[in-house]
Amino acid sequence: MAKFALFYVGEPQFGSPEAAKAHQQEWMAWAQDLGEAAIELGMPFSAPTRVKPDGSSQTQPKELSGMSIVQAADMDAAVEIAKGCPFVQFAPVDVVQIYAMGG
């Protein structure tokens, strides 16, 4: 099985606290249904600080709101996992394969 990162792009906007809570419950059910395919779920991000080659740094706009790591047979299977994620109802999810370095 290969590892894949699901990057959550943007911040979902909900019309009410009840809608946000319902989304959270859907997300938790999806995460639980992944079973052994779930490696690391629910990793929210802050706004990034970009470090430049000259050593300076600057806070950047928040484009990614978080990520999950899953395992799947191949990219097609990982994309199917992402399609089932409730986050994709509100904002895009980028799927990338994670490769091991060295060993």
PDB file of N, CA and C in Angstrom:
ATOM      1  N   MET A   1       0.841  -1.184   0.000  1.00  0.00           N
ATOM      2  CA  MET A   1       0.000   0.000   0.000  1.00  0.00           C
ATOM      3  C   MET A   1       0.883   1.244   0.000  1.00  0.00           C
ATOM      4  N   ALA A   2       0.478   2.211  -0.776  1.00  0.00           N
ATOM      5  CA  ALA A   2       1.177   3.489  -0.841  1.00  0.00           C
ATOM      6  C   ALA A   2       0.520   4.479   0.115  1.00  0.00           C
ATOM      7  N   LYS A   3       1.277   5.510   0.492  1.00  0.00           N
ATOM      8  CA  LYS A   3       0.750   6.570   1.356  1.00  0.00           C
ATOM      9  C   LYS A   3       0.433   7.785   0.504  1.00  0.00           C
ATOM     10  N   PHE A   4      -0.661   8.457   0.883  1.00  0.00           N
ATOM     11  CA  PHE A   4      -1.114   9.651   0.176  1.00  0.00           C
ATOM     12  C   PHE A   4      -1.501  10.712   1.193  1.00  0.00           C
ATOM     13  N   ALA A   5      -1.210  11.965   0.846  1.00  0.00           N
ATOM     14  CA  ALA A   5      -1.646  13.100   1.658  1.00  0.00           C
ATOM     15  C   ALA A   5      -2.849  13.735   0.971  1.00  0.00           C
ATOM     16  N   LEU A   6      -3.869  14.019   1.746  1.00  0.00           N
ATOM     17  CA  LEU A   6      -5.037  14.765   1.274  1.00  0.00           C
ATOM     18  C   LEU A   6      -4.909  16.164   1.861  1.00  0.00           C
ATOM     19  N   PHE A   7      -4.662  17.145   1.010  1.00  0.00           N
ATOM     20  CA  PHE A   7      -4.530  18.529   1.459  1.00  0.00           C
ATOM     21  C   PHE A   7      -5.864  19.242   1.286  1.00  0.00           C
ATOM     22  N   TYR A   8      -6.347  19.846   2.372  1.00  0.00           N
ATOM     23  CA  TYR A   8      -7.613  20.555   2.361  1.00  0.00           C
ATOM     24  C   TYR A   8      -7.352  22.008   1.976  1.00  0.00           C
ATOM     25  N   VAL A   9      -7.886  22.426   0.842  1.00  0.00           N
ATOM     26  CA  VAL A   9      -7.619  23.742   0.272  1.00  0.00           C
ATOM     27  C   VAL A   9      -8.745  24.692   0.674  1.00  0.00           C
ATOM     28  N   GLY A  10      -8.401  25.759   1.370  1.00  0.00           N
ATOM     29  CA  GLY A  10      -9.403  26.736   1.771  1.00  0.00           C
ATOM     30  C   GLY A  10     -10.083  26.369   3.073  1.00  0.00           C
ATOM     31  N   GLU A  11     -11.006  27.206   3.445  1.00  0.00           N
ATOM     32  CA  GLU A  11     -11.773  27.037   4.683  1.00  0.00           C
ATOM     33  C   GLU A  11     -13.247  26.932   4.328  1.00  0.00           C
ATOM     34  N   PRO A  12     -13.897  25.839   4.689  1.00  0.00           N
ATOM     35  CA  PRO A  12     -15.338  25.760   4.430  1.00  0.00           C
ATOM     36  C   PRO A  12     -16.088  26.867   5.175  1.00  0.00           C
ATOM     37  N   GLN A  13     -17.102  27.388   4.537  1.00  0.00           N
ATOM     38  CA  GLN A  13     -17.951  28.409   5.159  1.00  0.00           C
ATOM     39  C   GLN A  13     -19.317  27.782   5.426  1.00  0.00           C
ATOM     40  N   PHE A  14     -19.751  27.864   6.658  1.00  0.00           N
ATOM     41  CA  PHE A  14     -21.024  27.269   7.053  1.00  0.00           C
ATOM     42  C   PHE A  14     -22.012  28.377   7.401  1.00  0.00           C
ATOM     43  N   GLY A  15     -23.268  28.144   7.100  1.00  0.00           N
ATOM     44  CA  GLY A  15     -24.300  29.142   7.338  1.00  0.00           C
ATOM     45  C   GLY A  15     -24.711  29.293   8.786  1.00  0.00           C
ATOM     46  N   SER A  16     -24.348  28.308   9.608  1.00  0.00           N
ATOM     47  CA  SER A  16     -24.760  28.359  11.006  1.00  0.00           C
ATOM     48  C   SER A  16     -23.863  27.433  11.828  1.00  0.00           C
ATOM     49  N   PRO A  17     -23.858  27.607  13.143  1.00  0.00           N
ATOM     50  CA  PRO A  17     -23.101  26.684  13.998  1.00  0.00           C
ATOM     51  C   PRO A  17     -23.615  25.243  13.873  1.00  0.00           C
ATOM     52  N   GLU A  18     -24.904  25.098  13.639  1.00  0.00           N
ATOM     53  CA  GLU A  18     -25.481  23.757  13.489  1.00  0.00           C
ATOM     54  C   GLU A  18     -24.954  23.083  12.224  1.00  0.00           C
ATOM     55  N   ALA A  19     -24.820  23.851  11.146  1.00  0.00           N
ATOM     56  CA  ALA A  19     -24.283  23.296   9.900  1.00  0.00           C
ATOM     57  C   ALA A  19     -22.821  22.893  10.078  1.00  0.00           C
ATOM     58  N   ALA A  20     -22.066  23.694  10.820  1.00  0.00           N
ATOM     59  CA  ALA A  20     -20.663  23.361  11.085  1.00  0.00           C
ATOM     60  C   ALA A  20     -20.562  22.090  11.911  1.00  0.00           C
ATOM     61  N   LYS A  21     -21.423  21.950  12.904  1.00  0.00           N
ATOM     62  CA  LYS A  21     -21.417  20.749  13.749  1.00  0.00           C
ATOM     63  C   LYS A  21     -21.813  19.517  12.937  1.00  0.00           C
ATOM     64  N   ALA A  22     -22.795  19.657  12.067  1.00  0.00           N
ATOM     65  CA  ALA A  22     -23.209  18.531  11.217  1.00  0.00           C
ATOM     66  C   ALA A  22     -22.064  18.112  10.303  1.00  0.00           C
ATOM     67  N   HIS A  23     -21.340  19.099   9.748  1.00  0.00           N
ATOM     68  CA  HIS A  23     -20.188  18.788   8.900  1.00  0.00           C
ATOM     69  C   HIS A  23     -19.123  18.047   9.701  1.00  0.00           C
ATOM     70  N   GLN A  24     -18.866  18.510  10.911  1.00  0.00           N
ATOM     71  CA  GLN A  24     -17.868  17.861  11.759  1.00  0.00           C
ATOM     72  C   GLN A  24     -18.258  16.404  12.033  1.00  0.00           C
ATOM     73  N   GLN A  25     -19.531  16.160  12.285  1.00  0.00           N
ATOM     74  CA  GLN A  25     -19.997  14.790  12.534  1.00  0.00           C
ATOM     75  C   GLN A  25     -19.845  13.924  11.281  1.00  0.00           C
ATOM     76  N   GLU A  26     -20.135  14.492  10.099  1.00  0.00           N
ATOM     77  CA  GLU A  26     -19.946  13.757   8.846  1.00  0.00           C
ATOM     78  C   GLU A  26     -18.476  13.414   8.641  1.00  0.00           C
ATOM     79  N   TRP A  27     -17.611  14.382   8.932  1.00  0.00           N
ATOM     80  CA  TRP A  27     -16.175  14.166   8.756  1.00  0.00           C
ATOM     81  C   TRP A  27     -15.686  13.063   9.692  1.00  0.00           C
ATOM     82  N   MET A  28     -16.131  13.092  10.941  1.00  0.00           N
ATOM     83  CA  MET A  28     -15.726  12.067  11.910  1.00  0.00           C
ATOM     84  C   MET A  28     -16.212  10.681  11.484  1.00  0.00           C
ATOM     85  N   ALA A  29     -17.427  10.590  10.960  1.00  0.00           N
ATOM     86  CA  ALA A  29     -17.952   9.302  10.479  1.00  0.00           C
ATOM     87  C   ALA A  29     -17.128   8.813   9.291  1.00  0.00           C
ATOM     88  N   TRP A  30     -16.791   9.721   8.356  1.00  0.00           N
ATOM     89  CA  TRP A  30     -15.959   9.359   7.207  1.00  0.00           C
ATOM     90  C   TRP A  30     -14.607   8.845   7.684  1.00  0.00           C
ATOM     91  N   ALA A  31     -13.988   9.560   8.614  1.00  0.00           N
ATOM     92  CA  ALA A  31     -12.676   9.175   9.126  1.00  0.00           C
ATOM     93  C   ALA A  31     -12.730   7.797   9.787  1.00  0.00           C
ATOM     94  N   GLN A  32     -13.775   7.547  10.540  1.00  0.00           N
ATOM     95  CA  GLN A  32     -13.916   6.250  11.202  1.00  0.00           C
ATOM     96  C   GLN A  32     -14.128   5.135  10.177  1.00  0.00           C
ATOM     97  N   ASP A  33     -14.889   5.406   9.130  1.00  0.00           N
ATOM     98  CA  ASP A  33     -15.151   4.409   8.088  1.00  0.00           C
ATOM     99  C   ASP A  33     -13.894   4.030   7.307  1.00  0.00           C
ATOM    100  N   LEU A  34     -12.877   4.894   7.316  1.00  0.00           N
ATOM    101  CA  LEU A  34     -11.639   4.571   6.605  1.00  0.00           C
ATOM    102  C   LEU A  34     -10.909   3.380   7.214  1.00  0.00           C
ATOM    103  N   GLY A  35     -11.149   3.135   8.482  1.00  0.00           N
ATOM    104  CA  GLY A  35     -10.514   1.990   9.133  1.00  0.00           C
ATOM    105  C   GLY A  35      -9.000   2.040   9.035  1.00  0.00           C
ATOM    106  N   GLU A  36      -8.390   0.932   8.585  1.00  0.00           N
ATOM    107  CA  GLU A  36      -6.935   0.833   8.512  1.00  0.00           C
ATOM    108  C   GLU A  36      -6.321   1.723   7.433  1.00  0.00           C
ATOM    109  N   ALA A  37      -7.133   2.248   6.517  1.00  0.00           N
ATOM    110  CA  ALA A  37      -6.607   3.163   5.493  1.00  0.00           C
ATOM    111  C   ALA A  37      -6.198   4.494   6.104  1.00  0.00           C
ATOM    112  N   ALA A  38      -6.736   4.819   7.267  1.00  0.00           N
ATOM    113  CA  ALA A  38      -6.412   6.081   7.939  1.00  0.00           C
ATOM    114  C   ALA A  38      -5.087   5.939   8.676  1.00  0.00           C
ATOM    115  N   ILE A  39      -4.142   6.791   8.337  1.00  0.00           N
ATOM    116  CA  ILE A  39      -2.848   6.790   9.016  1.00  0.00           C
ATOM    117  C   ILE A  39      -2.773   7.964   9.980  1.00  0.00           C
ATOM    118  N   GLU A  40      -3.085   9.147   9.505  1.00  0.00           N
ATOM    119  CA  GLU A  40      -3.053  10.359  10.319  1.00  0.00           C
ATOM    120  C   GLU A  40      -4.167  11.268   9.838  1.00  0.00           C
ATOM    121  N   LEU A  41      -5.147  11.511  10.687  1.00  0.00           N
ATOM    122  CA  LEU A  41      -6.301  12.321  10.285  1.00  0.00           C
ATOM    123  C   LEU A  41      -6.383  13.579  11.124  1.00  0.00           C
ATOM    124  N   GLY A  42      -7.026  14.584  10.574  1.00  0.00           N
ATOM    125  CA  GLY A  42      -7.306  15.788  11.335  1.00  0.00           C
ATOM    126  C   GLY A  42      -6.083  16.587  11.735  1.00  0.00           C
ATOM    127  N   MET A  43      -5.280  16.976  10.760  1.00  0.00           N
ATOM    128  CA  MET A  43      -4.090  17.777  11.030  1.00  0.00           C
ATOM    129  C   MET A  43      -4.323  19.191  10.498  1.00  0.00           C
ATOM    130  N   PRO A  44      -4.959  20.078  11.296  1.00  0.00           N
ATOM    131  CA  PRO A  44      -5.232  21.440  10.831  1.00  0.00           C
ATOM    132  C   PRO A  44      -3.952  22.269  10.765  1.00  0.00           C
ATOM    133  N   PHE A  45      -3.946  23.258   9.874  1.00  0.00           N
ATOM    134  CA  PHE A  45      -2.795  24.136   9.667  1.00  0.00           C
ATOM    135  C   PHE A  45      -3.118  25.557  10.105  1.00  0.00           C
ATOM    136  N   SER A  46      -2.073  26.254  10.532  1.00  0.00           N
ATOM    137  CA  SER A  46      -2.150  27.705  10.736  1.00  0.00           C
ATOM    138  C   SER A  46      -1.740  28.374   9.430  1.00  0.00           C
ATOM    139  N   ALA A  47      -1.788  29.688   9.402  1.00  0.00           N
ATOM    140  CA  ALA A  47      -1.253  30.423   8.257  1.00  0.00           C
ATOM    141  C   ALA A  47       0.256  30.189   8.221  1.00  0.00           C
ATOM    142  N   PRO A  48       0.832  29.994   7.033  1.00  0.00           N
ATOM    143  CA  PRO A  48       2.262  29.688   6.960  1.00  0.00           C
ATOM    144  C   PRO A  48       3.137  30.939   7.047  1.00  0.00           C
ATOM    145  N   THR A  49       4.352  30.735   7.492  1.00  0.00           N
ATOM    146  CA  THR A  49       5.393  31.742   7.396  1.00  0.00           C
ATOM    147  C   THR A  49       6.391  31.222   6.377  1.00  0.00           C
ATOM    148  N   ARG A  50       6.611  31.984   5.328  1.00  0.00           N
ATOM    149  CA  ARG A  50       7.529  31.578   4.261  1.00  0.00           C
ATOM    150  C   ARG A  50       8.925  32.114   4.568  1.00  0.00           C
ATOM    151  N   VAL A  51       9.909  31.210   4.588  1.00  0.00           N
ATOM    152  CA  VAL A  51      11.307  31.581   4.762  1.00  0.00           C
ATOM    153  C   VAL A  51      11.932  31.636   3.375  1.00  0.00           C
ATOM    154  N   LYS A  52      12.539  32.770   3.063  1.00  0.00           N
ATOM    155  CA  LYS A  52      13.094  33.008   1.725  1.00  0.00           C
ATOM    156  C   LYS A  52      14.591  32.702   1.695  1.00  0.00           C
ATOM    157  N   PRO A  53      15.150  32.506   0.495  1.00  0.00           N
ATOM    158  CA  PRO A  53      16.583  32.200   0.389  1.00  0.00           C
ATOM    159  C   PRO A  53      17.493  33.228   1.057  1.00  0.00           C
ATOM    160  N   ASP A  54      17.045  34.475   1.152  1.00  0.00           N
ATOM    161  CA  ASP A  54      17.880  35.500   1.792  1.00  0.00           C
ATOM    162  C   ASP A  54      17.763  35.487   3.320  1.00  0.00           C
ATOM    163  N   GLY A  55      16.978  34.544   3.849  1.00  0.00           N
ATOM    164  CA  GLY A  55      16.822  34.415   5.296  1.00  0.00           C
ATOM    165  C   GLY A  55      15.662  35.201   5.873  1.00  0.00           C
ATOM    166  N   SER A  56      15.042  36.049   5.070  1.00  0.00           N
ATOM    167  CA  SER A  56      13.892  36.798   5.569  1.00  0.00           C
ATOM    168  C   SER A  56      12.674  35.873   5.621  1.00  0.00           C
ATOM    169  N   SER A  57      11.683  36.265   6.388  1.00  0.00           N
ATOM    170  CA  SER A  57      10.455  35.471   6.482  1.00  0.00           C
ATOM    171  C   SER A  57       9.252  36.401   6.476  1.00  0.00           C
ATOM    172  N   GLN A  58       8.125  35.845   6.012  1.00  0.00           N
ATOM    173  CA  GLN A  58       6.908  36.644   5.909  1.00  0.00           C
ATOM    174  C   GLN A  58       5.712  35.716   6.037  1.00  0.00           C
ATOM    175  N   THR A  59       4.724  36.121   6.847  1.00  0.00           N
ATOM    176  CA  THR A  59       3.486  35.353   6.964  1.00  0.00           C
ATOM    177  C   THR A  59       2.737  35.435   5.639  1.00  0.00           C
ATOM    178  N   GLN A  60       2.231  34.304   5.189  1.00  0.00           N
ATOM    179  CA  GLN A  60       1.548  34.190   3.910  1.00  0.00           C
ATOM    180  C   GLN A  60       0.052  33.987   4.136  1.00  0.00           C
ATOM    181  N   PRO A  61      -0.756  34.268   3.132  1.00  0.00           N
ATOM    182  CA  PRO A  61      -2.190  33.951   3.245  1.00  0.00           C
ATOM    183  C   PRO A  61      -2.376  32.445   3.438  1.00  0.00           C
ATOM    184  N   LYS A  62      -3.359  32.096   4.200  1.00  0.00           N
ATOM    185  CA  LYS A  62      -3.640  30.681   4.474  1.00  0.00           C
ATOM    186  C   LYS A  62      -4.389  30.086   3.288  1.00  0.00           C
ATOM    187  N   GLU A  63      -3.720  29.216   2.539  1.00  0.00           N
ATOM    188  CA  GLU A  63      -4.343  28.540   1.404  1.00  0.00           C
ATOM    189  C   GLU A  63      -4.757  27.119   1.761  1.00  0.00           C
ATOM    190  N   LEU A  64      -3.935  26.437   2.554  1.00  0.00           N
ATOM    191  CA  LEU A  64      -4.239  25.071   2.977  1.00  0.00           C
ATOM    192  C   LEU A  64      -4.719  25.118   4.418  1.00  0.00           C
ATOM    193  N   SER A  65      -5.843  24.449   4.689  1.00  0.00           N
ATOM    194  CA  SER A  65      -6.372  24.479   6.052  1.00  0.00           C
ATOM    195  C   SER A  65      -6.003  23.241   6.859  1.00  0.00           C
ATOM    196  N   GLY A  66      -5.511  22.192   6.189  1.00  0.00           N
ATOM    197  CA  GLY A  66      -5.122  20.996   6.916  1.00  0.00           C
ATOM    198  C   GLY A  66      -4.837  19.844   5.979  1.00  0.00           C
ATOM    199  N   MET A  67      -4.596  18.677   6.580  1.00  0.00           N
ATOM    200  CA  MET A  67      -4.318  17.505   5.771  1.00  0.00           C
ATOM    201  C   MET A  67      -4.624  16.235   6.541  1.00  0.00           C
ATOM    202  N   SER A  68      -4.743  15.151   5.800  1.00  0.00           N
ATOM    203  CA  SER A  68      -4.849  13.804   6.343  1.00  0.00           C
ATOM    204  C   SER A  68      -3.871  12.940   5.570  1.00  0.00           C
ATOM    205  N   ILE A  69      -3.417  11.860   6.178  1.00  0.00           N
ATOM    206  CA  ILE A  69      -2.584  10.885   5.488  1.00  0.00           C
ATOM    207  C   ILE A  69      -3.328   9.563   5.497  1.00  0.00           C
ATOM    208  N   VAL A  70      -3.451   8.984   4.313  1.00  0.00           N
ATOM    209  CA  VAL A  70      -4.154   7.713   4.154  1.00  0.00           C
ATOM    210  C   VAL A  70      -3.268   6.754   3.371  1.00  0.00           C
ATOM    211  N   GLN A  71      -3.619   5.484   3.405  1.00  0.00           N
ATOM    212  CA  GLN A  71      -2.947   4.516   2.549  1.00  0.00           C
ATOM    213  C   GLN A  71      -3.964   3.930   1.588  1.00  0.00           C
ATOM    214  N   ALA A  72      -3.499   3.690   0.374  1.00  0.00           N
ATOM    215  CA  ALA A  72      -4.373   3.160  -0.670  1.00  0.00           C
ATOM    216  C   ALA A  72      -3.513   2.385  -1.668  1.00  0.00           C
ATOM    217  N   ALA A  73      -4.157   1.571  -2.463  1.00  0.00           N
ATOM    218  CA  ALA A  73      -3.441   0.752  -3.444  1.00  0.00           C
ATOM    219  C   ALA A  73      -2.739   1.599  -4.497  1.00  0.00           C
ATOM    220  N   ASP A  74      -3.372   2.708  -4.911  1.00  0.00           N
ATOM    221  CA  ASP A  74      -2.811   3.556  -5.961  1.00  0.00           C
ATOM    222  C   ASP A  74      -3.512   4.909  -5.936  1.00  0.00           C
ATOM    223  N   MET A  75      -3.104   5.800  -6.837  1.00  0.00           N
ATOM    224  CA  MET A  75      -3.680   7.147  -6.871  1.00  0.00           C
ATOM    225  C   MET A  75      -5.182   7.113  -7.091  1.00  0.00           C
ATOM    226  N   ASP A  76      -5.654   6.238  -7.973  1.00  0.00           N
ATOM    227  CA  ASP A  76      -7.105   6.159  -8.222  1.00  0.00           C
ATOM    228  C   ASP A  76      -7.866   5.830  -6.947  1.00  0.00           C
ATOM    229  N   ALA A  77      -7.343   4.907  -6.163  1.00  0.00           N
ATOM    230  CA  ALA A  77      -8.000   4.540  -4.905  1.00  0.00           C
ATOM    231  C   ALA A  77      -7.946   5.696  -3.904  1.00  0.00           C
ATOM    232  N   ALA A  78      -6.830   6.416  -3.876  1.00  0.00           N
ATOM    233  CA  ALA A  78      -6.715   7.564  -2.978  1.00  0.00           C
ATOM    234  C   ALA A  78      -7.682   8.676  -3.379  1.00  0.00           C
ATOM    235  N   VAL A  79      -7.850   8.883  -4.681  1.00  0.00           N
ATOM    236  CA  VAL A  79      -8.809   9.880  -5.167  1.00  0.00           C
ATOM    237  C   VAL A  79     -10.223   9.490  -4.752  1.00  0.00           C
ATOM    238  N   GLU A  80     -10.548   8.223  -4.794  1.00  0.00           N
ATOM    239  CA  GLU A  80     -11.877   7.767  -4.351  1.00  0.00           C
ATOM    240  C   GLU A  80     -12.074   8.043  -2.869  1.00  0.00           C
ATOM    241  N   ILE A  81     -11.019   7.852  -2.079  1.00  0.00           N
ATOM    242  CA  ILE A  81     -11.104   8.190  -0.651  1.00  0.00           C
ATOM    243  C   ILE A  81     -11.400   9.675  -0.494  1.00  0.00           C
ATOM    244  N   ALA A  82     -10.677  10.519  -1.249  1.00  0.00           N
ATOM    245  CA  ALA A  82     -10.886  11.972  -1.162  1.00  0.00           C
ATOM    246  C   ALA A  82     -12.289  12.364  -1.594  1.00  0.00           C
ATOM    247  N   LYS A  83     -12.817  11.703  -2.612  1.00  0.00           N
ATOM    248  CA  LYS A  83     -14.174  12.018  -3.078  1.00  0.00           C
ATOM    249  C   LYS A  83     -15.211  11.761  -1.995  1.00  0.00           C
ATOM    250  N   GLY A  84     -14.924  10.829  -1.092  1.00  0.00           N
ATOM    251  CA  GLY A  84     -15.851  10.515  -0.006  1.00  0.00           C
ATOM    252  C   GLY A  84     -15.732  11.435   1.187  1.00  0.00           C
ATOM    253  N   CYS A  85     -14.709  12.271   1.203  1.00  0.00           N
ATOM    254  CA  CYS A  85     -14.488  13.169   2.335  1.00  0.00           C
ATOM    255  C   CYS A  85     -15.512  14.308   2.316  1.00  0.00           C
ATOM    256  N   PRO A  86     -16.208  14.558   3.414  1.00  0.00           N
ATOM    257  CA  PRO A  86     -17.194  15.642   3.451  1.00  0.00           C
ATOM    258  C   PRO A  86     -16.613  17.024   3.159  1.00  0.00           C
ATOM    259  N   PHE A  87     -15.317  17.231   3.372  1.00  0.00           N
ATOM    260  CA  PHE A  87     -14.695  18.523   3.093  1.00  0.00           C
ATOM    261  C   PHE A  87     -14.870  18.914   1.631  1.00  0.00           C
ATOM    262  N   VAL A  88     -14.841  17.924   0.730  1.00  0.00           N
ATOM    263  CA  VAL A  88     -14.890  18.205  -0.707  1.00  0.00           C
ATOM    264  C   VAL A  88     -16.251  18.776  -1.132  1.00  0.00           C
ATOM    265  N   GLN A  89     -17.248  18.717  -0.264  1.00  0.00           N
ATOM    266  CA  GLN A  89     -18.543  19.341  -0.554  1.00  0.00           C
ATOM    267  C   GLN A  89     -18.437  20.871  -0.523  1.00  0.00           C
ATOM    268  N   PHE A  90     -17.384  21.386   0.148  1.00  0.00           N
ATOM    269  CA  PHE A  90     -17.250  22.828   0.359  1.00  0.00           C
ATOM    270  C   PHE A  90     -16.021  23.436  -0.289  1.00  0.00           C
ATOM    271  N   ALA A  91     -14.971  22.636  -0.471  1.00  0.00           N
ATOM    272  CA  ALA A  91     -13.700  23.155  -0.987  1.00  0.00           C
ATOM    273  C   ALA A  91     -12.892  21.998  -1.577  1.00  0.00           C
ATOM    274  N   PRO A  92     -11.913  22.321  -2.418  1.00  0.00           N
ATOM    275  CA  PRO A  92     -11.121  21.264  -3.053  1.00  0.00           C
ATOM    276  C   PRO A  92     -10.247  20.491  -2.069  1.00  0.00           C
ATOM    277  N   VAL A  93      -9.912  19.277  -2.470  1.00  0.00           N
ATOM    278  CA  VAL A  93      -8.956  18.437  -1.763  1.00  0.00           C
ATOM    279  C   VAL A  93      -7.897  18.011  -2.786  1.00  0.00           C
ATOM    280  N   ASP A  94      -6.634  18.329  -2.508  1.00  0.00           N
ATOM    281  CA  ASP A  94      -5.533  17.905  -3.365  1.00  0.00           C
ATOM    282  C   ASP A  94      -4.981  16.591  -2.834  1.00  0.00           C
ATOM    283  N   VAL A  95      -4.770  15.629  -3.714  1.00  0.00           N
ATOM    284  CA  VAL A  95      -4.239  14.315  -3.341  1.00  0.00           C
ATOM    285  C   VAL A  95      -2.846  14.173  -3.928  1.00  0.00           C
ATOM    286  N   VAL A  96      -1.869  13.860  -3.088  1.00  0.00           N
ATOM    287  CA  VAL A  96      -0.504  13.633  -3.547  1.00  0.00           C
ATOM    288  C   VAL A  96       0.035  12.343  -2.941  1.00  0.00           C
ATOM    289  N   GLN A  97       0.819  11.627  -3.736  1.00  0.00           N
ATOM    290  CA  GLN A  97       1.466  10.429  -3.202  1.00  0.00           C
ATOM    291  C   GLN A  97       2.690  10.842  -2.407  1.00  0.00           C
ATOM    292  N   ILE A  98       2.927  10.149  -1.298  1.00  0.00           N
ATOM    293  CA  ILE A  98       4.081  10.393  -0.447  1.00  0.00           C
ATOM    294  C   ILE A  98       5.104   9.299  -0.735  1.00  0.00           C
ATOM    295  N   TYR A  99       6.319   9.688  -1.040  1.00  0.00           N
ATOM    296  CA  TYR A  99       7.387   8.738  -1.330  1.00  0.00           C
ATOM    297  C   TYR A  99       8.387   8.707  -0.185  1.00  0.00           C
ATOM    298  N   ALA A 100       8.873   7.513   0.140  1.00  0.00           N
ATOM    299  CA  ALA A 100       9.890   7.365   1.186  1.00  0.00           C
ATOM    300  C   ALA A 100      11.252   7.788   0.630  1.00  0.00           C
ATOM    301  N   MET A 101      12.026   8.433   1.456  1.00  0.00           N
ATOM    302  CA  MET A 101      13.377   8.856   1.070  1.00  0.00           C
ATOM    303  C   MET A 101      14.396   8.007   1.824  1.00  0.00           C
ATOM    304  N   GLY A 102      15.388   7.561   1.139  1.00  0.00           N
ATOM    305  CA  GLY A 102      16.477   6.842   1.793  1.00  0.00           C
ATOM    306  C   GLY A 102      16.018   5.592   2.507  1.00  0.00           C
ATOM    307  N   GLY A 103      16.782   5.195   3.456  1.00  0.00           N
ATOM    308  CA  GLY A 103      16.267   4.050   4.112  1.00  0.00           C
ATOM    309  C   GLY A 103      17.011   3.389   5.112  1.00  0.00           C
TER     310      GLY A 103
END
